[in-house]
Protein backbone atom coordinates (compact mmCIF):
# COMPACT_ATOMS: atom_id res chain seq x y z
CA MET A 1 -16.30 -6.37 12.45
CA VAL A 2 -16.07 -2.82 12.55
CA TRP A 3 -12.19 -3.09 13.83
CA PHE A 4 -11.41 -5.67 11.19
CA LEU A 5 -12.70 -3.21 8.60
CA SER A 6 -11.18 -0.04 10.19
CA PHE A 7 -7.79 -2.11 10.49
CA TYR A 8 -8.00 -3.48 6.88
CA THR A 9 -8.85 0.11 5.66
CA LEU A 10 -5.73 1.71 7.43
CA ILE A 11 -3.53 -1.18 6.00
CA CYS A 12 -4.92 -0.60 2.46
CA LEU A 13 -4.36 2.92 2.51
CA PHE A 14 -1.03 3.04 3.77
CA PHE A 15 0.41 0.68 1.05
CA LEU A 16 -1.90 2.62 -1.76
CA ASP A 17 -0.31 5.79 -0.88
CA ASN A 18 3.19 4.02 -0.50
CA THR A 19 2.60 2.51 -4.28
CA TYR A 20 0.98 5.63 -5.35
CA ARG A 21 4.11 7.99 -4.48
CA GLU A 22 6.93 5.47 -5.82
CA GLY A 23 4.97 5.51 -9.10
CA GLU A 24 4.93 9.22 -9.21
CA THR A 25 8.72 9.52 -8.36
CA THR A 26 9.37 7.47 -11.49
CA GLY A 27 7.16 9.70 -13.42
CA GLU A 28 6.53 7.01 -15.98
CA GLY A 29 2.79 7.12 -15.92
CA TRP A 30 0.19 4.75 -15.58
CA ASP A 31 1.22 1.47 -17.19
CA GLY A 32 -0.17 -2.14 -16.12
CA MET A 33 2.24 -3.26 -13.48
CA ARG A 34 1.37 0.20 -12.04
CA VAL A 35 -2.20 -0.48 -11.93
CA LEU A 36 -1.73 -4.43 -10.84
CA GLY A 37 0.44 -2.95 -7.89
CA LEU A 38 -2.31 -0.61 -6.75
CA PHE A 39 -4.87 -3.69 -6.80
CA LEU A 40 -2.69 -5.76 -5.04
CA CYS A 41 -2.52 -3.52 -2.35
CA LEU A 42 -6.21 -3.72 -1.88
CA LEU A 43 -6.13 -7.64 -2.44
CA TRP A 44 -3.03 -9.08 -0.26
CA PRO A 45 -4.71 -8.13 3.27
CA LEU A 46 -7.52 -10.28 2.50
CA LEU A 47 -5.44 -13.18 1.53
CA LEU A 48 -3.76 -12.75 5.09
CA VAL A 49 -6.96 -13.26 6.85
CA HIS A 50 -8.19 -15.92 4.47
CA VAL A 51 -5.00 -17.96 5.31
CA MET A 52 -5.46 -17.10 9.40
CA ILE A 53 -8.90 -18.46 9.00
CA LEU A 54 -7.80 -21.46 7.46
CA ALA A 55 -4.98 -21.74 10.10
CA PHE A 56 -7.17 -21.46 12.83
CA ARG A 57 -9.98 -23.81 11.34
CA GLY A 58 -7.93 -26.28 10.23
CA ASP A 59 -5.93 -26.65 13.66
CA GLY A 60 -8.52 -29.11 15.16
CA GLU A 61 -9.27 -31.42 12.23
CA ALA A 62 -5.54 -32.03 11.92
CA GLU A 63 -5.78 -33.96 15.28
CA LYS A 64 -8.92 -35.75 14.60
CA ARG A 65 -7.74 -37.42 11.44
CA PRO A 66 -6.23 -40.93 11.99
């Protein structure tokens, strides 16, 4: 579990930093799309893990169905 949290944190920080720097170079300030982009940097790795868990969990069920 510690490895997962460490990996998740590294991914989030990397994309948060990229998104933040990209917003700073445009110089347009903090609009709604920039805040949404920063929020999605935190969210998408969790969605990826969720899909992976469902895929692994669903493999056995698909073979059992007639």
